[in-house]
């Protein structure tokens, strides 16, 4: 059924496409890239696909009490290049980000400069031609690129998360433009990330995490799972020394060449999590080797773990078929923000 929507957004008339781009850029309504004109017809198409009225409240950012309505989110999704089929994924990601444990305001306003990592699981990946293969952490496909960008534009225009305004990042990283990937579920016997985190089998879902930039690793000289994981662990420990010692959600991305060694050895994601939890630890005195001796004090023998528990490690199967590369994606600031997984189309805090 096609709805007749009553929009609350202001409408503007511009002379041509170039004038429209300058109109949006001059008002800081864009991220510096060209935008798709958010016409009423395109906004309505997104809302109709998701079966949402324009006034539907997706959620309220709790610190600044900013409301995110379906209409306003759809406007920004269209601007980012989203098709109507992409819109339910955007809504699910924002709904997850608005959950209290994610600490959206802290993650988006910190000087630490994190971005929102979005991992997509389930049939929606195939329906939207998402590609968790070559360049999985790059602009690998249309859907993940525009979905990630839509999240950024929503933060810009509905929550004022622009550089120098709410966004106080000292440096930031390129994931702020778009930081979205799909898991390569078809090429691994491992359970999908969302299913491991409680979403029913075969349901489509998103996982969001306040994350630093990916840190690439390489190990092509062993077939032993322990030795491969020791390379990942070394990178995690480096992050603990150079950035933050506090435990939280880390994510590791494991491509097919490395996954093959785990498969032959019969290692599951749970086995990986247990190993990393046991090994990814440093002593506070190690900060002295990184120019941070002033904060070691008399606590040099205190051991710090990267993970609160094995379940805090997100293991993601993705990447091209050749090359012993992988990636560690560190948390923004320990446990301050927790990763959230939510089924697409799930109802949160609904009144039945």
Protein backbone atom coordinates (compact mmCIF):
# COMPACT_ATOMS: atom_id res chain seq x y z
CA UNK A 1 0.00 0.00 0.00
CA UNK A 2 1.35 3.44 -0.95
CA UNK A 3 0.88 6.01 1.79
CA UNK A 4 0.08 9.66 1.35
CA UNK A 5 2.68 11.37 3.48
CA UNK A 6 2.37 14.69 5.24
CA UNK A 7 5.89 16.08 5.35
CA UNK A 8 7.07 18.59 7.95
CA UNK A 9 10.38 19.44 6.24
CA UNK A 10 10.77 22.74 4.45
CA UNK A 11 10.88 22.56 0.67
CA UNK A 12 13.11 24.70 -1.52
CA UNK A 13 13.23 25.50 -5.22
CA UNK A 14 16.63 25.81 -6.90
CA UNK A 15 17.56 26.68 -10.47
CA UNK A 16 19.54 23.58 -11.43
CA UNK A 17 21.64 20.68 -10.16
CA UNK A 18 24.77 22.79 -9.65
CA UNK A 19 22.86 25.39 -7.69
CA UNK A 20 21.40 22.65 -5.53
CA UNK A 21 24.86 21.33 -4.66
CA UNK A 22 26.05 24.79 -3.67
CA UNK A 23 22.86 25.34 -1.65
CA UNK A 24 23.53 22.23 0.45
CA UNK A 25 27.29 22.72 0.76
CA UNK A 26 27.02 26.37 1.76
CA UNK A 27 24.74 25.39 4.64
CA UNK A 28 27.00 22.52 5.75
CA UNK A 29 24.25 20.02 5.04
CA UNK A 30 26.67 17.74 3.19
CA UNK A 31 29.92 15.95 3.98
CA UNK A 32 31.75 17.57 1.07
CA UNK A 33 30.60 15.03 -1.51
CA UNK A 34 27.77 15.65 -3.99
CA UNK A 35 24.29 14.81 -2.73
CA UNK A 36 21.21 13.36 -4.39
CA UNK A 37 18.34 15.87 -4.32
CA UNK A 38 15.93 14.67 -1.61
CA UNK A 39 12.70 15.23 -3.53
CA UNK A 40 9.37 14.39 -1.86
CA UNK A 41 8.95 11.48 -4.27
CA UNK A 42 12.29 9.88 -3.36
CA UNK A 43 11.76 10.43 0.37
CA UNK A 44 8.27 8.90 0.14
CA UNK A 45 9.66 5.88 -1.70
CA UNK A 46 12.05 5.16 1.20
CA UNK A 47 9.25 5.47 3.74
CA UNK A 48 6.93 3.25 1.70
CA UNK A 49 9.58 0.54 1.36
CA UNK A 50 10.04 0.47 5.15
CA UNK A 51 6.26 0.76 5.76
CA UNK A 52 6.83 3.76 7.99
CA UNK A 53 4.83 6.98 8.22
CA UNK A 54 6.80 10.20 7.94
CA UNK A 55 6.14 11.00 11.60
CA UNK A 56 7.40 7.64 12.92
CA UNK A 57 9.84 8.23 15.78
CA UNK A 58 12.95 6.12 15.27
CA UNK A 59 14.38 7.33 18.58
CA UNK A 60 15.63 10.21 20.68
CA UNK A 61 19.28 10.98 21.32
CA UNK A 62 19.19 11.00 25.13
CA UNK A 63 21.77 13.66 25.97
CA UNK A 64 20.60 16.47 23.69
CA UNK A 65 17.05 15.13 23.37
CA UNK A 66 17.04 15.32 19.59
CA UNK A 67 14.28 13.34 17.89
CA UNK A 68 15.03 11.26 14.80
CA UNK A 69 11.89 10.81 12.72
CA UNK A 70 11.53 8.54 9.71
CA UNK A 71 11.00 11.55 7.43
CA UNK A 72 14.18 13.34 8.48
CA UNK A 73 16.24 10.15 8.30
CA UNK A 74 14.84 9.34 4.86
CA UNK A 75 15.81 12.81 3.61
CA UNK A 76 19.41 12.19 4.61
CA UNK A 77 19.39 8.63 3.27
CA UNK A 78 18.31 9.91 -0.13
CA UNK A 79 21.00 12.59 0.01
CA UNK A 80 23.60 9.88 0.68
CA UNK A 81 22.53 7.95 -2.42
CA UNK A 82 20.37 5.29 -0.78
CA UNK A 83 17.73 3.43 -2.72
CA UNK A 84 14.45 2.63 -0.94
CA UNK A 85 15.65 -0.94 -0.28
CA UNK A 86 18.60 0.42 1.71
CA UNK A 87 16.44 2.48 4.04
CA UNK A 88 15.41 -0.28 6.53
CA UNK A 89 19.11 -1.02 7.13
CA UNK A 90 19.75 2.64 7.89
CA UNK A 91 16.81 2.67 10.31
CA UNK A 92 18.07 -0.47 12.07
CA UNK A 93 21.59 0.92 12.42
CA UNK A 94 20.31 4.17 13.93
CA UNK A 95 17.97 2.31 16.26
CA UNK A 96 20.92 0.28 17.53
CA UNK A 97 23.06 3.41 17.93
CA UNK A 98 20.35 5.06 20.01
CA UNK A 99 20.42 2.29 22.61
CA UNK A 100 21.85 3.58 25.89
CA UNK A 101 24.91 1.23 26.07
CA UNK A 102 26.18 2.58 22.74
CA UNK A 103 26.61 6.08 24.25
CA UNK A 104 26.00 7.86 20.96
CA UNK A 105 26.67 11.39 22.17
CA UNK A 106 29.98 10.44 23.78
CA UNK A 107 31.18 8.51 20.77
CA UNK A 108 30.32 11.28 18.32
CA UNK A 109 31.56 14.22 20.39
CA UNK A 110 34.84 12.83 21.73
CA UNK A 111 38.24 14.17 20.76
CA UNK A 112 39.18 10.51 20.18
CA UNK A 113 37.71 10.67 16.68
CA UNK A 114 36.00 7.31 16.29
CA UNK A 115 33.46 6.41 13.61
CA UNK A 116 30.49 4.06 13.63
CA UNK A 117 31.40 0.63 12.27
CA UNK A 118 28.37 -1.18 10.81
CA UNK A 119 28.49 -4.93 10.13
CA UNK A 120 25.59 -6.44 8.17
CA UNK A 121 24.45 -10.05 8.33
CA UNK A 122 21.68 -12.16 6.83
CA UNK A 123 19.72 -12.36 3.56
CA UNK A 124 19.66 -8.59 3.12
CA UNK A 125 23.31 -8.82 2.02
CA UNK A 126 22.37 -10.85 -1.04
CA UNK A 127 19.18 -8.93 -1.74
CA UNK A 128 21.19 -5.71 -1.96
CA UNK A 129 24.28 -7.15 -3.70
CA UNK A 130 26.59 -6.40 -0.78
CA UNK A 131 30.09 -7.78 -1.23
CA UNK A 132 32.14 -8.93 1.76
CA UNK A 133 34.96 -10.05 -0.50
CA UNK A 134 37.62 -7.88 -2.21
CA UNK A 135 38.31 -4.58 -0.44
CA UNK A 136 35.75 -5.41 2.24
CA UNK A 137 36.78 -2.39 4.30
CA UNK A 138 36.83 -0.13 1.24
CA UNK A 139 34.11 1.08 -1.08
CA UNK A 140 33.32 -2.46 -2.14
CA UNK A 141 29.69 -2.04 -3.21
CA UNK A 142 26.94 0.52 -3.58
CA UNK A 143 24.76 -0.60 -0.68
CA UNK A 144 27.32 -0.61 2.13
CA UNK A 145 28.89 2.63 0.91
CA UNK A 146 25.67 4.64 0.84
CA UNK A 147 24.30 3.09 4.04
CA UNK A 148 27.46 4.09 5.90
CA UNK A 149 27.31 7.56 4.38
CA UNK A 150 23.63 7.91 5.32
CA UNK A 151 24.53 7.37 8.97
CA UNK A 152 27.11 10.15 8.73
CA UNK A 153 24.67 12.60 7.13
CA UNK A 154 22.03 11.84 9.76
CA UNK A 155 24.60 12.61 12.46
CA UNK A 156 25.53 15.82 10.60
CA UNK A 157 22.10 17.20 9.99
CA UNK A 158 19.94 15.87 12.83
CA UNK A 159 22.48 15.84 15.67
CA UNK A 160 24.92 18.57 14.52
CA UNK A 161 27.84 16.11 14.52
CA UNK A 162 29.97 18.25 12.23
CA UNK A 163 33.69 18.93 12.69
CA UNK A 164 34.09 21.80 15.09
CA UNK A 165 30.50 21.56 16.31
CA UNK A 166 29.48 18.43 18.25
CA UNK A 167 32.28 16.46 16.56
CA UNK A 168 35.41 17.51 18.46
CA UNK A 169 37.74 14.93 16.90
CA UNK A 170 41.40 15.83 17.04
CA UNK A 171 42.09 13.77 13.90
CA UNK A 172 39.19 11.46 13.08
CA UNK A 173 39.65 8.82 10.37
CA UNK A 174 38.23 8.06 6.90
CA UNK A 175 35.61 5.71 8.36
CA UNK A 176 33.67 8.84 9.27
CA UNK A 177 32.63 9.06 5.60
CA UNK A 178 31.39 5.46 5.49
CA UNK A 179 32.38 2.50 7.68
CA UNK A 180 30.08 -0.34 6.67
CA UNK A 181 30.75 -3.91 5.55
CA UNK A 182 28.89 -7.16 5.11
CA UNK A 183 30.09 -10.47 6.46
CA UNK A 184 31.14 -13.13 3.92
CA UNK A 185 28.76 -15.78 5.25
CA UNK A 186 28.72 -18.00 2.16
CA UNK A 187 32.45 -18.79 2.24
CA UNK A 188 32.86 -19.93 5.82
CA UNK A 189 31.40 -22.55 8.16
CA UNK A 190 31.52 -20.03 10.99
CA UNK A 191 28.35 -18.69 12.53
CA UNK A 192 27.48 -15.18 11.37
CA UNK A 193 28.33 -12.41 13.80
CA UNK A 194 24.69 -11.47 14.39
CA UNK A 195 23.66 -15.05 15.11
CA UNK A 196 26.47 -15.40 17.63
CA UNK A 197 25.13 -12.26 19.29
CA UNK A 198 21.58 -13.57 19.68
CA UNK A 199 19.78 -12.77 16.41
CA UNK A 200 17.77 -15.75 15.07
CA UNK A 201 19.29 -17.79 12.26
CA UNK A 202 18.63 -16.44 8.75
CA UNK A 203 17.40 -13.07 10.04
CA UNK A 204 18.99 -9.92 8.66
CA UNK A 205 20.74 -7.75 11.24
CA UNK A 206 23.18 -4.94 11.88
CA UNK A 207 25.91 -4.63 14.49
CA UNK A 208 27.18 -1.15 15.34
CA UNK A 209 30.42 -0.36 17.17
CA UNK A 210 32.12 2.93 18.04
CA UNK A 211 35.45 2.15 16.42
CA UNK A 212 38.88 3.43 15.62
CA UNK A 213 40.48 3.05 12.21
CA UNK A 214 41.40 -0.46 10.97
CA UNK A 215 44.93 -1.60 11.75
CA UNK A 216 46.11 -4.03 9.04
CA UNK A 217 48.18 -7.10 9.90
CA UNK A 218 49.99 -9.71 7.76
CA UNK A 219 51.05 -13.29 8.44
CA UNK A 220 51.63 -15.58 5.44
CA UNK A 221 54.33 -17.72 7.05
CA UNK A 222 52.34 -20.16 9.17
CA UNK A 223 49.31 -22.42 9.06
CA UNK A 224 48.96 -22.62 12.84
CA UNK A 225 45.87 -20.87 14.24
CA UNK A 226 47.73 -19.87 17.39
CA UNK A 227 50.53 -18.17 15.45
CA UNK A 228 48.06 -16.36 13.18
CA UNK A 229 46.18 -15.11 16.22
CA UNK A 230 49.43 -14.06 17.87
CA UNK A 231 49.81 -11.54 15.03
CA UNK A 232 46.33 -10.17 15.69
CA UNK A 233 47.05 -10.12 19.43
CA UNK A 234 50.29 -8.19 18.87
CA UNK A 235 48.35 -5.48 17.06
CA UNK A 236 45.74 -5.36 19.83
CA UNK A 237 48.51 -5.03 22.40
CA UNK A 238 50.09 -2.26 20.35
CA UNK A 239 46.80 -0.37 20.46
CA UNK A 240 46.71 -0.85 24.23
CA UNK A 241 50.19 0.64 24.52
CA UNK A 242 49.81 3.47 22.05
CA UNK A 243 46.18 4.46 22.51
CA UNK A 244 44.00 3.02 25.29
CA UNK A 245 44.71 0.39 27.90
CA UNK A 246 41.05 -0.04 28.80
CA UNK A 247 39.15 -3.21 27.78
CA UNK A 248 36.18 -3.13 25.44
CA UNK A 249 34.88 -4.44 22.14
CA UNK A 250 37.60 -5.19 19.62
CA UNK A 251 36.78 -6.49 16.15
CA UNK A 252 39.05 -8.63 14.00
CA UNK A 253 38.50 -9.21 10.29
CA UNK A 254 39.66 -12.59 9.00
CA UNK A 255 39.94 -13.14 5.20
CA UNK A 256 39.63 -16.50 3.39
CA UNK A 257 43.36 -17.34 3.20
CA UNK A 258 43.67 -17.16 6.98
CA UNK A 259 40.23 -18.67 7.60
CA UNK A 260 41.29 -21.77 5.67
CA UNK A 261 43.90 -22.56 8.34
CA UNK A 262 41.33 -22.18 11.12
CA UNK A 263 38.88 -24.39 9.20
CA UNK A 264 41.43 -27.18 8.71
CA UNK A 265 42.25 -27.08 12.41
CA UNK A 266 38.58 -27.11 13.38
CA UNK A 267 38.66 -23.72 15.09
CA UNK A 268 35.36 -21.87 15.56
CA UNK A 269 34.85 -18.19 16.28
CA UNK A 270 34.36 -19.15 19.93
CA UNK A 271 37.81 -20.81 19.95
CA UNK A 272 39.32 -17.64 18.50
CA UNK A 273 37.65 -15.45 21.09
CA UNK A 274 38.90 -17.59 23.96
CA UNK A 275 42.48 -17.54 22.66
CA UNK A 276 42.54 -13.79 22.09
CA UNK A 277 40.97 -13.12 25.49
CA UNK A 278 43.71 -15.15 27.20
CA UNK A 279 46.60 -13.62 25.24
CA UNK A 280 45.68 -9.98 24.58
CA UNK A 281 47.03 -8.53 27.81
CA UNK A 282 49.78 -6.12 28.77
CA UNK A 283 51.36 -4.84 31.97
CA UNK A 284 50.99 -1.19 32.76
CA UNK A 285 54.78 -0.83 32.91
CA UNK A 286 54.87 -1.37 29.15
CA UNK A 287 53.59 2.17 28.78
CA UNK A 288 57.04 3.36 29.81
CA UNK A 289 58.37 2.03 26.49
CA UNK A 290 55.95 4.32 24.65
CA UNK A 291 56.79 7.59 26.32
CA UNK A 292 54.06 7.25 28.95
CA UNK A 293 56.13 6.51 32.03
CA UNK A 294 54.43 9.38 33.86
CA UNK A 295 51.18 7.42 34.09
CA UNK A 296 52.73 4.11 35.18
CA UNK A 297 53.34 5.18 38.76
CA UNK A 298 53.44 2.35 41.27
CA UNK A 299 51.07 0.21 39.19
CA UNK A 300 53.60 -1.19 36.75
CA UNK A 301 52.86 -4.83 37.62
CA UNK A 302 49.12 -4.45 37.09
CA UNK A 303 47.92 -6.58 34.19
CA UNK A 304 45.33 -5.16 31.79
CA UNK A 305 43.23 -7.31 29.44
CA UNK A 306 42.03 -6.04 26.08
CA UNK A 307 38.67 -7.76 26.51
CA UNK A 308 36.24 -7.80 29.41
CA UNK A 309 35.27 -11.32 28.35
CA UNK A 310 35.76 -13.48 25.23
CA UNK A 311 32.33 -12.36 24.01
CA UNK A 312 33.58 -8.79 23.70
CA UNK A 313 35.62 -9.78 20.63
CA UNK A 314 33.75 -9.44 17.33
CA UNK A 315 35.11 -11.95 14.79
CA UNK A 316 34.15 -11.00 11.23
CA UNK A 317 34.68 -13.18 8.15
CA UNK A 318 35.41 -10.83 5.25
CA UNK A 319 38.04 -9.99 2.67
CA UNK A 320 39.41 -11.03 -0.70
CA UNK A 321 40.36 -14.65 -1.43
CA UNK A 322 44.14 -14.19 -1.55
CA UNK A 323 46.60 -12.62 0.85
CA UNK A 324 47.40 -13.36 4.46
CA UNK A 325 46.16 -9.98 5.59
CA UNK A 326 43.70 -9.18 8.33
CA UNK A 327 42.59 -6.25 10.38
CA UNK A 328 42.14 -5.25 13.99
CA UNK A 329 39.48 -2.61 14.61
CA UNK A 330 39.90 -1.15 18.10
CA UNK A 331 37.19 0.34 20.30
CA UNK A 332 36.78 4.06 20.77
CA UNK A 333 37.38 4.07 24.54
CA UNK A 334 37.24 0.74 26.31
CA UNK A 335 33.84 -0.17 27.72
CA UNK A 336 32.50 3.37 27.49
CA UNK A 337 30.52 2.35 24.40
CA UNK A 338 29.30 -1.18 23.80
CA UNK A 339 28.61 -2.80 20.43
CA UNK A 340 24.91 -3.35 19.75
CA UNK A 341 23.36 -5.97 17.45
CA UNK A 342 19.78 -5.59 16.24
CA UNK A 343 17.62 -7.43 13.72
CA UNK A 344 16.52 -5.30 10.79
CA UNK A 345 12.85 -4.49 11.28
CA UNK A 346 12.99 -5.26 14.99
CA UNK A 347 10.73 -3.21 17.24
CA UNK A 348 12.53 -1.59 20.17
CA UNK A 349 10.52 -0.11 23.09
CA UNK A 350 7.30 -0.61 21.17
CA UNK A 351 3.93 -0.40 22.87
CA UNK A 352 1.78 -3.34 21.79
